[in-house]
Amino acid sequence: MYMHERKNWTNFFWDNDKLSPILASVRHLQGRLLGRMETLGFDFIESATLESLILDVVDTSRIEGEFLNPELVRSSIARK
Protein backbone atom coordinates (compact mmCIF):
# COMPACT_ATOMS: atom_id res chain seq x y z
CA MET A 1 0.00 0.00 0.00
CA TYR A 2 1.31 3.42 -0.94
CA MET A 3 1.19 6.24 1.55
CA HIS A 4 -1.25 8.26 -0.57
CA GLU A 5 -3.69 5.32 -0.53
CA ARG A 6 -4.13 5.48 3.22
CA LYS A 7 -7.12 7.21 4.74
CA ASN A 8 -6.18 10.67 6.05
CA TRP A 9 -2.72 10.38 4.50
CA THR A 10 -2.35 14.15 4.57
CA ASN A 11 -2.29 14.01 8.39
CA PHE A 12 1.28 12.74 8.24
CA PHE A 13 3.39 12.55 11.41
CA TRP A 14 6.41 10.67 12.74
CA ASP A 15 8.26 9.99 15.96
CA ASN A 16 11.68 11.70 15.91
CA ASP A 17 13.01 9.41 18.64
CA LYS A 18 12.33 6.35 16.48
CA LEU A 19 13.26 7.85 13.13
CA SER A 20 16.49 9.69 13.98
CA PRO A 21 18.63 6.62 14.75
CA ILE A 22 17.46 4.91 11.55
CA LEU A 23 18.22 7.99 9.45
CA ALA A 24 21.63 8.36 11.09
CA SER A 25 22.46 4.76 10.27
CA VAL A 26 21.33 5.13 6.67
CA ARG A 27 23.35 8.36 6.29
CA HIS A 28 26.44 6.63 7.66
CA LEU A 29 26.02 3.74 5.23
CA GLN A 30 25.43 6.20 2.39
CA GLY A 31 28.71 7.94 3.20
CA ARG A 32 30.56 4.63 3.20
CA LEU A 33 29.01 3.69 -0.15
CA LEU A 34 29.96 7.04 -1.68
CA GLY A 35 33.50 6.60 -0.39
CA ARG A 36 33.77 3.21 -2.03
CA MET A 37 32.28 4.52 -5.27
CA GLU A 38 34.94 7.23 -5.44
CA THR A 39 37.61 4.56 -5.69
CA LEU A 40 35.85 3.05 -8.72
CA GLY A 41 36.19 6.15 -10.85
CA PHE A 42 34.06 8.87 -12.40
CA ASP A 43 32.47 6.72 -15.13
CA PHE A 44 31.06 4.30 -12.58
CA ILE A 45 29.70 7.11 -10.40
CA GLU A 46 28.11 8.77 -13.42
CA SER A 47 26.53 5.47 -14.46
CA ALA A 48 25.21 4.76 -10.96
CA THR A 49 23.76 8.29 -10.76
CA LEU A 50 22.04 7.83 -14.11
CA GLU A 51 20.51 4.51 -13.01
CA SER A 52 19.30 6.08 -9.76
CA LEU A 53 17.64 8.95 -11.64
CA ILE A 54 15.98 6.51 -14.04
CA LEU A 55 14.56 4.45 -11.17
CA ASP A 56 13.31 7.59 -9.41
CA VAL A 57 11.50 8.85 -12.52
CA VAL A 58 9.99 5.46 -13.38
CA ASP A 59 8.88 4.74 -9.80
CA THR A 60 7.45 8.23 -9.27
CA SER A 61 5.46 8.03 -12.49
CA ARG A 62 4.18 4.58 -11.51
CA ILE A 63 2.78 6.04 -8.26
CA GLU A 64 0.87 8.53 -10.39
CA GLY A 65 -0.51 5.74 -12.60
CA GLU A 66 1.83 6.22 -15.56
CA PHE A 67 4.12 3.43 -16.67
CA LEU A 68 7.18 4.77 -18.47
CA ASN A 69 9.64 2.75 -20.51
CA PRO A 70 12.95 2.81 -18.57
CA GLU A 71 14.95 2.82 -21.82
CA LEU A 72 13.15 5.94 -23.05
CA VAL A 73 13.69 7.61 -19.67
CA ARG A 74 17.40 6.65 -19.81
CA SER A 75 17.71 8.16 -23.26
CA SER A 76 15.95 11.37 -22.22
CA ILE A 77 18.07 11.83 -19.08
CA ALA A 78 21.31 11.03 -20.90
CA ARG A 79 20.55 13.70 -23.53
CA LYS A 80 20.09 16.34 -20.82
PDB file of N, CA and C in Angstrom:
ATOM      1  N   MET A   1       0.850  -1.175   0.000  1.00  0.00           N
ATOM      2  CA  MET A   1       0.000   0.000   0.000  1.00  0.00           C
ATOM      3  C   MET A   1       0.897   1.239   0.000  1.00  0.00           C
ATOM      4  N   TYR A   2       0.592   2.162  -0.891  1.00  0.00           N
ATOM      5  CA  TYR A   2       1.314   3.421  -0.943  1.00  0.00           C
ATOM      6  C   TYR A   2       0.745   4.383   0.097  1.00  0.00           C
ATOM      7  N   MET A   3       1.587   5.294   0.521  1.00  0.00           N
ATOM      8  CA  MET A   3       1.185   6.242   1.547  1.00  0.00           C
ATOM      9  C   MET A   3      -0.057   7.025   1.135  1.00  0.00           C
ATOM     10  N   HIS A   4      -0.117   7.444  -0.126  1.00  0.00           N
ATOM     11  CA  HIS A   4      -1.250   8.259  -0.575  1.00  0.00           C
ATOM     12  C   HIS A   4      -2.556   7.469  -0.664  1.00  0.00           C
ATOM     13  N   GLU A   5      -2.486   6.147  -0.504  1.00  0.00           N
ATOM     14  CA  GLU A   5      -3.692   5.322  -0.532  1.00  0.00           C
ATOM     15  C   GLU A   5      -4.314   5.150   0.857  1.00  0.00           C
ATOM     16  N   ARG A   6      -3.612   5.598   1.862  1.00  0.00           N
ATOM     17  CA  ARG A   6      -4.128   5.479   3.225  1.00  0.00           C
ATOM     18  C   ARG A   6      -5.161   6.579   3.510  1.00  0.00           C
ATOM     19  N   LYS A   7      -6.122   6.227   4.330  1.00  0.00           N
ATOM     20  CA  LYS A   7      -7.122   7.209   4.736  1.00  0.00           C
ATOM     21  C   LYS A   7      -6.418   8.293   5.566  1.00  0.00           C
ATOM     22  N   ASN A   8      -6.781   9.531   5.337  1.00  0.00           N
ATOM     23  CA  ASN A   8      -6.185  10.670   6.048  1.00  0.00           C
ATOM     24  C   ASN A   8      -4.669  10.748   5.888  1.00  0.00           C
ATOM     25  N   TRP A   9      -4.166  10.398   4.700  1.00  0.00           N
ATOM     26  CA  TRP A   9      -2.723  10.384   4.503  1.00  0.00           C
ATOM     27  C   TRP A   9      -2.104  11.771   4.597  1.00  0.00           C
ATOM     28  N   THR A  10      -2.903  12.798   4.461  1.00  0.00           N
ATOM     29  CA  THR A  10      -2.346  14.150   4.574  1.00  0.00           C
ATOM     30  C   THR A  10      -2.062  14.537   6.025  1.00  0.00           C
ATOM     31  N   ASN A  11      -2.578  13.787   6.969  1.00  0.00           N
ATOM     32  CA  ASN A  11      -2.289  14.012   8.388  1.00  0.00           C
ATOM     33  C   ASN A  11      -1.049  13.211   8.777  1.00  0.00           C
ATOM     34  N   PHE A  12       0.030  13.496   8.090  1.00  0.00           N
ATOM     35  CA  PHE A  12       1.275  12.743   8.244  1.00  0.00           C
ATOM     36  C   PHE A  12       2.034  13.193   9.486  1.00  0.00           C
ATOM     37  N   PHE A  13       2.563  12.243  10.250  1.00  0.00           N
ATOM     38  CA  PHE A  13       3.385  12.554  11.412  1.00  0.00           C
ATOM     39  C   PHE A  13       4.393  11.431  11.622  1.00  0.00           C
ATOM     40  N   TRP A  14       5.416  11.683  12.424  1.00  0.00           N
ATOM     41  CA  TRP A  14       6.414  10.672  12.742  1.00  0.00           C
ATOM     42  C   TRP A  14       6.971  10.932  14.129  1.00  0.00           C
ATOM     43  N   ASP A  15       7.651   9.928  14.632  1.00  0.00           N
ATOM     44  CA  ASP A  15       8.258   9.989  15.957  1.00  0.00           C
ATOM     45  C   ASP A  15       9.764  10.196  15.769  1.00  0.00           C
ATOM     46  N   ASN A  16      10.253  11.396  16.084  1.00  0.00           N
ATOM     47  CA  ASN A  16      11.675  11.703  15.908  1.00  0.00           C
ATOM     48  C   ASN A  16      12.579  10.736  16.655  1.00  0.00           C
ATOM     49  N   ASP A  17      12.171  10.311  17.835  1.00  0.00           N
ATOM     50  CA  ASP A  17      13.012   9.413  18.639  1.00  0.00           C
ATOM     51  C   ASP A  17      13.200   8.055  17.954  1.00  0.00           C
ATOM     52  N   LYS A  18      12.219   7.615  17.199  1.00  0.00           N
ATOM     53  CA  LYS A  18      12.334   6.348  16.480  1.00  0.00           C
ATOM     54  C   LYS A  18      13.032   6.529  15.133  1.00  0.00           C
ATOM     55  N   LEU A  19      12.764   7.636  14.476  1.00  0.00           N
ATOM     56  CA  LEU A  19      13.257   7.853  13.127  1.00  0.00           C
ATOM     57  C   LEU A  19      14.714   8.308  13.082  1.00  0.00           C
ATOM     58  N   SER A  20      15.141   9.126  14.008  1.00  0.00           N
ATOM     59  CA  SER A  20      16.488   9.693  13.976  1.00  0.00           C
ATOM     60  C   SER A  20      17.599   8.647  13.953  1.00  0.00           C
ATOM     61  N   PRO A  21      17.565   7.612  14.805  1.00  0.00           N
ATOM     62  CA  PRO A  21      18.633   6.619  14.752  1.00  0.00           C
ATOM     63  C   PRO A  21      18.678   5.863  13.414  1.00  0.00           C
ATOM     64  N   ILE A  22      17.519   5.612  12.835  1.00  0.00           N
ATOM     65  CA  ILE A  22      17.462   4.914  11.553  1.00  0.00           C
ATOM     66  C   ILE A  22      18.063   5.794  10.464  1.00  0.00           C
ATOM     67  N   LEU A  23      17.681   7.070  10.444  1.00  0.00           N
ATOM     68  CA  LEU A  23      18.223   7.991   9.448  1.00  0.00           C
ATOM     69  C   LEU A  23      19.729   8.174   9.616  1.00  0.00           C
ATOM     70  N   ALA A  24      20.193   8.229  10.844  1.00  0.00           N
ATOM     71  CA  ALA A  24      21.628   8.365  11.091  1.00  0.00           C
ATOM     72  C   ALA A  24      22.386   7.151  10.557  1.00  0.00           C
ATOM     73  N   SER A  25      21.834   5.981  10.761  1.00  0.00           N
ATOM     74  CA  SER A  25      22.464   4.757  10.270  1.00  0.00           C
ATOM     75  C   SER A  25      22.499   4.727   8.740  1.00  0.00           C
ATOM     76  N   VAL A  26      21.395   5.100   8.134  1.00  0.00           N
ATOM     77  CA  VAL A  26      21.331   5.133   6.668  1.00  0.00           C
ATOM     78  C   VAL A  26      22.327   6.154   6.124  1.00  0.00           C
ATOM     79  N   ARG A  27      22.410   7.319   6.741  1.00  0.00           N
ATOM     80  CA  ARG A  27      23.346   8.362   6.286  1.00  0.00           C
ATOM     81  C   ARG A  27      24.782   7.888   6.407  1.00  0.00           C
ATOM     82  N   HIS A  28      25.094   7.177   7.477  1.00  0.00           N
ATOM     83  CA  HIS A  28      26.438   6.631   7.657  1.00  0.00           C
ATOM     84  C   HIS A  28      26.763   5.631   6.548  1.00  0.00           C
ATOM     85  N   LEU A  29      25.819   4.725   6.284  1.00  0.00           N
ATOM     86  CA  LEU A  29      26.023   3.738   5.227  1.00  0.00           C
ATOM     87  C   LEU A  29      26.127   4.407   3.856  1.00  0.00           C
ATOM     88  N   GLN A  30      25.355   5.462   3.645  1.00  0.00           N
ATOM     89  CA  GLN A  30      25.430   6.199   2.389  1.00  0.00           C
ATOM     90  C   GLN A  30      26.822   6.799   2.213  1.00  0.00           C
ATOM     91  N   GLY A  31      27.364   7.371   3.254  1.00  0.00           N
ATOM     92  CA  GLY A  31      28.708   7.938   3.201  1.00  0.00           C
ATOM     93  C   GLY A  31      29.755   6.886   2.887  1.00  0.00           C
ATOM     94  N   ARG A  32      29.618   5.722   3.483  1.00  0.00           N
ATOM     95  CA  ARG A  32      30.564   4.630   3.196  1.00  0.00           C
ATOM     96  C   ARG A  32      30.459   4.183   1.750  1.00  0.00           C
ATOM     97  N   LEU A  33      29.226   4.079   1.247  1.00  0.00           N
ATOM     98  CA  LEU A  33      29.015   3.690  -0.146  1.00  0.00           C
ATOM     99  C   LEU A  33      29.626   4.721  -1.096  1.00  0.00           C
ATOM    100  N   LEU A  34      29.390   5.994  -0.828  1.00  0.00           N
ATOM    101  CA  LEU A  34      29.961   7.036  -1.679  1.00  0.00           C
ATOM    102  C   LEU A  34      31.484   6.998  -1.649  1.00  0.00           C
ATOM    103  N   GLY A  35      32.048   6.729  -0.498  1.00  0.00           N
ATOM    104  CA  GLY A  35      33.502   6.604  -0.390  1.00  0.00           C
ATOM    105  C   GLY A  35      34.032   5.458  -1.234  1.00  0.00           C
ATOM    106  N   ARG A  36      33.351   4.348  -1.213  1.00  0.00           N
ATOM    107  CA  ARG A  36      33.770   3.207  -2.034  1.00  0.00           C
ATOM    108  C   ARG A  36      33.597   3.492  -3.517  1.00  0.00           C
ATOM    109  N   MET A  37      32.517   4.191  -3.861  1.00  0.00           N
ATOM    110  CA  MET A  37      32.278   4.523  -5.268  1.00  0.00           C
ATOM    111  C   MET A  37      33.373   5.431  -5.820  1.00  0.00           C
ATOM    112  N   GLU A  38      33.896   6.323  -4.985  1.00  0.00           N
ATOM    113  CA  GLU A  38      34.944   7.231  -5.436  1.00  0.00           C
ATOM    114  C   GLU A  38      36.177   6.476  -5.894  1.00  0.00           C
ATOM    115  N   THR A  39      36.439   5.339  -5.291  1.00  0.00           N
ATOM    116  CA  THR A  39      37.613   4.560  -5.694  1.00  0.00           C
ATOM    117  C   THR A  39      37.397   3.843  -7.029  1.00  0.00           C
ATOM    118  N   LEU A  40      36.143   3.742  -7.473  1.00  0.00           N
ATOM    119  CA  LEU A  40      35.846   3.047  -8.720  1.00  0.00           C
ATOM    120  C   LEU A  40      35.971   3.946  -9.942  1.00  0.00           C
ATOM    121  N   GLY A  41      36.011   5.236  -9.741  1.00  0.00           N
ATOM    122  CA  GLY A  41      36.194   6.153 -10.853  1.00  0.00           C
ATOM    123  C   GLY A  41      34.933   6.889 -11.253  1.00  0.00           C
ATOM    124  N   PHE A  42      35.144   7.973 -12.021  1.00  0.00           N
ATOM    125  CA  PHE A  42      34.059   8.872 -12.400  1.00  0.00           C
ATOM    126  C   PHE A  42      33.014   8.189 -13.267  1.00  0.00           C
ATOM    127  N   ASP A  43      33.428   7.372 -14.227  1.00  0.00           N
ATOM    128  CA  ASP A  43      32.471   6.724 -15.131  1.00  0.00           C
ATOM    129  C   ASP A  43      31.468   5.867 -14.368  1.00  0.00           C
ATOM    130  N   PHE A  44      31.948   5.145 -13.361  1.00  0.00           N
ATOM    131  CA  PHE A  44      31.058   4.298 -12.576  1.00  0.00           C
ATOM    132  C   PHE A  44      30.076   5.143 -11.776  1.00  0.00           C
ATOM    133  N   ILE A  45      30.565   6.225 -11.188  1.00  0.00           N
ATOM    134  CA  ILE A  45      29.702   7.108 -10.400  1.00  0.00           C
ATOM    135  C   ILE A  45      28.636   7.726 -11.299  1.00  0.00           C
ATOM    136  N   GLU A  46      29.049   8.172 -12.472  1.00  0.00           N
ATOM    137  CA  GLU A  46      28.108   8.767 -13.421  1.00  0.00           C
ATOM    138  C   GLU A  46      27.045   7.745 -13.834  1.00  0.00           C
ATOM    139  N   SER A  47      27.456   6.527 -14.073  1.00  0.00           N
ATOM    140  CA  SER A  47      26.525   5.466 -14.461  1.00  0.00           C
ATOM    141  C   SER A  47      25.551   5.140 -13.326  1.00  0.00           C
ATOM    142  N   ALA A  48      26.055   5.060 -12.108  1.00  0.00           N
ATOM    143  CA  ALA A  48      25.206   4.764 -10.955  1.00  0.00           C
ATOM    144  C   ALA A  48      24.205   5.899 -10.718  1.00  0.00           C
ATOM    145  N   THR A  49      24.653   7.136 -10.912  1.00  0.00           N
ATOM    146  CA  THR A  49      23.763   8.285 -10.757  1.00  0.00           C
ATOM    147  C   THR A  49      22.656   8.255 -11.801  1.00  0.00           C
ATOM    148  N   LEU A  50      23.014   7.932 -13.033  1.00  0.00           N
ATOM    149  CA  LEU A  50      22.038   7.832 -14.106  1.00  0.00           C
ATOM    150  C   LEU A  50      20.999   6.757 -13.792  1.00  0.00           C
ATOM    151  N   GLU A  51      21.442   5.599 -13.344  1.00  0.00           N
ATOM    152  CA  GLU A  51      20.514   4.511 -13.007  1.00  0.00           C
ATOM    153  C   GLU A  51      19.582   4.918 -11.870  1.00  0.00           C
ATOM    154  N   SER A  52      20.118   5.623 -10.891  1.00  0.00           N
ATOM    155  CA  SER A  52      19.305   6.078  -9.764  1.00  0.00           C
ATOM    156  C   SER A  52      18.232   7.061 -10.234  1.00  0.00           C
ATOM    157  N   LEU A  53      18.613   7.988 -11.101  1.00  0.00           N
ATOM    158  CA  LEU A  53      17.644   8.948 -11.643  1.00  0.00           C
ATOM    159  C   LEU A  53      16.552   8.244 -12.437  1.00  0.00           C
ATOM    160  N   ILE A  54      16.947   7.268 -13.232  1.00  0.00           N
ATOM    161  CA  ILE A  54      15.981   6.511 -14.035  1.00  0.00           C
ATOM    162  C   ILE A  54      14.966   5.821 -13.135  1.00  0.00           C
ATOM    163  N   LEU A  55      15.458   5.144 -12.096  1.00  0.00           N
ATOM    164  CA  LEU A  55      14.563   4.451 -11.174  1.00  0.00           C
ATOM    165  C   LEU A  55      13.626   5.428 -10.472  1.00  0.00           C
ATOM    166  N   ASP A  56      14.156   6.582 -10.073  1.00  0.00           N
ATOM    167  CA  ASP A  56      13.313   7.591  -9.413  1.00  0.00           C
ATOM    168  C   ASP A  56      12.184   8.057 -10.326  1.00  0.00           C
ATOM    169  N   VAL A  57      12.514   8.357 -11.579  1.00  0.00           N
ATOM    170  CA  VAL A  57      11.504   8.848 -12.522  1.00  0.00           C
ATOM    171  C   VAL A  57      10.464   7.771 -12.799  1.00  0.00           C
ATOM    172  N   VAL A  58      10.914   6.547 -13.060  1.00  0.00           N
ATOM    173  CA  VAL A  58       9.994   5.455 -13.381  1.00  0.00           C
ATOM    174  C   VAL A  58       9.091   5.137 -12.192  1.00  0.00           C
ATOM    175  N   ASP A  59       9.672   5.063 -10.997  1.00  0.00           N
ATOM    176  CA  ASP A  59       8.876   4.744  -9.802  1.00  0.00           C
ATOM    177  C   ASP A  59       7.899   5.850  -9.449  1.00  0.00           C
ATOM    178  N   THR A  60       8.336   7.103  -9.567  1.00  0.00           N
ATOM    179  CA  THR A  60       7.451   8.228  -9.273  1.00  0.00           C
ATOM    180  C   THR A  60       6.278   8.251 -10.238  1.00  0.00           C
ATOM    181  N   SER A  61       6.552   8.023 -11.510  1.00  0.00           N
ATOM    182  CA  SER A  61       5.461   8.033 -12.489  1.00  0.00           C
ATOM    183  C   SER A  61       4.505   6.874 -12.245  1.00  0.00           C
ATOM    184  N   ARG A  62       5.026   5.740 -11.793  1.00  0.00           N
ATOM    185  CA  ARG A  62       4.177   4.580 -11.506  1.00  0.00           C
ATOM    186  C   ARG A  62       3.204   4.894 -10.374  1.00  0.00           C
ATOM    187  N   ILE A  63       3.657   5.633  -9.366  1.00  0.00           N
ATOM    188  CA  ILE A  63       2.782   6.037  -8.261  1.00  0.00           C
ATOM    189  C   ILE A  63       1.619   6.861  -8.795  1.00  0.00           C
ATOM    190  N   GLU A  64       1.900   7.668  -9.812  1.00  0.00           N
ATOM    191  CA  GLU A  64       0.871   8.532 -10.392  1.00  0.00           C
ATOM    192  C   GLU A  64       0.054   7.826 -11.463  1.00  0.00           C
ATOM    193  N   GLY A  65       0.288   6.516 -11.656  1.00  0.00           N
ATOM    194  CA  GLY A  65      -0.506   5.739 -12.602  1.00  0.00           C
ATOM    195  C   GLY A  65       0.029   5.713 -14.014  1.00  0.00           C
ATOM    196  N   GLU A  66       1.211   6.261 -14.238  1.00  0.00           N
ATOM    197  CA  GLU A  66       1.835   6.222 -15.561  1.00  0.00           C
ATOM    198  C   GLU A  66       2.970   5.204 -15.531  1.00  0.00           C
ATOM    199  N   PHE A  67       3.078   4.441 -16.593  1.00  0.00           N
ATOM    200  CA  PHE A  67       4.119   3.428 -16.672  1.00  0.00           C
ATOM    201  C   PHE A  67       5.051   3.779 -17.825  1.00  0.00           C
ATOM    202  N   LEU A  68       6.220   4.316 -17.476  1.00  0.00           N
ATOM    203  CA  LEU A  68       7.181   4.769 -18.468  1.00  0.00           C
ATOM    204  C   LEU A  68       8.165   3.662 -18.815  1.00  0.00           C
ATOM    205  N   ASN A  69       8.625   3.684 -20.046  1.00  0.00           N
ATOM    206  CA  ASN A  69       9.644   2.746 -20.510  1.00  0.00           C
ATOM    207  C   ASN A  69      10.999   3.212 -19.971  1.00  0.00           C
ATOM    208  N   PRO A  70      11.666   2.400 -19.152  1.00  0.00           N
ATOM    209  CA  PRO A  70      12.949   2.813 -18.572  1.00  0.00           C
ATOM    210  C   PRO A  70      14.000   3.171 -19.624  1.00  0.00           C
ATOM    211  N   GLU A  71      13.969   2.510 -20.768  1.00  0.00           N
ATOM    212  CA  GLU A  71      14.949   2.822 -21.819  1.00  0.00           C
ATOM    213  C   GLU A  71      14.718   4.217 -22.395  1.00  0.00           C
ATOM    214  N   LEU A  72      13.454   4.598 -22.548  1.00  0.00           N
ATOM    215  CA  LEU A  72      13.154   5.940 -23.047  1.00  0.00           C
ATOM    216  C   LEU A  72      13.531   7.000 -22.012  1.00  0.00           C
ATOM    217  N   VAL A  73      13.306   6.686 -20.740  1.00  0.00           N
ATOM    218  CA  VAL A  73      13.694   7.607 -19.669  1.00  0.00           C
ATOM    219  C   VAL A  73      15.210   7.747 -19.649  1.00  0.00           C
ATOM    220  N   ARG A  74      15.930   6.636 -19.780  1.00  0.00           N
ATOM    221  CA  ARG A  74      17.397   6.650 -19.811  1.00  0.00           C
ATOM    222  C   ARG A  74      17.891   7.551 -20.941  1.00  0.00           C
ATOM    223  N   SER A  75      17.314   7.387 -22.102  1.00  0.00           N
ATOM    224  CA  SER A  75      17.709   8.165 -23.264  1.00  0.00           C
ATOM    225  C   SER A  75      17.462   9.657 -23.035  1.00  0.00           C
ATOM    226  N   SER A  76      16.308   9.977 -22.479  1.00  0.00           N
ATOM    227  CA  SER A  76      15.954  11.368 -22.222  1.00  0.00           C
ATOM    228  C   SER A  76      16.901  12.008 -21.195  1.00  0.00           C
ATOM    229  N   ILE A  77      17.181  11.307 -20.111  1.00  0.00           N
ATOM    230  CA  ILE A  77      18.067  11.829 -19.079  1.00  0.00           C
ATOM    231  C   ILE A  77      19.488  11.968 -19.619  1.00  0.00           C
ATOM    232  N   ALA A  78      19.953  10.988 -20.370  1.00  0.00           N
ATOM    233  CA  ALA A  78      21.314  11.032 -20.902  1.00  0.00           C
ATOM    234  C   ALA A  78      21.500  12.220 -21.854  1.00  0.00           C
ATOM    235  N   ARG A  79      20.462  12.559 -22.612  1.00  0.00           N
ATOM    236  CA  ARG A  79      20.551  13.701 -23.527  1.00  0.00           C
ATOM    237  C   ARG A  79      20.694  15.013 -22.771  1.00  0.00           C
ATOM    238  N   LYS A  80      20.062  15.084 -21.589  1.00  0.00           N
ATOM    239  CA  LYS A  80      20.093  16.336 -20.821  1.00  0.00           C
ATOM    240  C   LYS A  80      21.281  16.372 -19.902  1.00  0.00           C
TER     241      LYS A  80
END
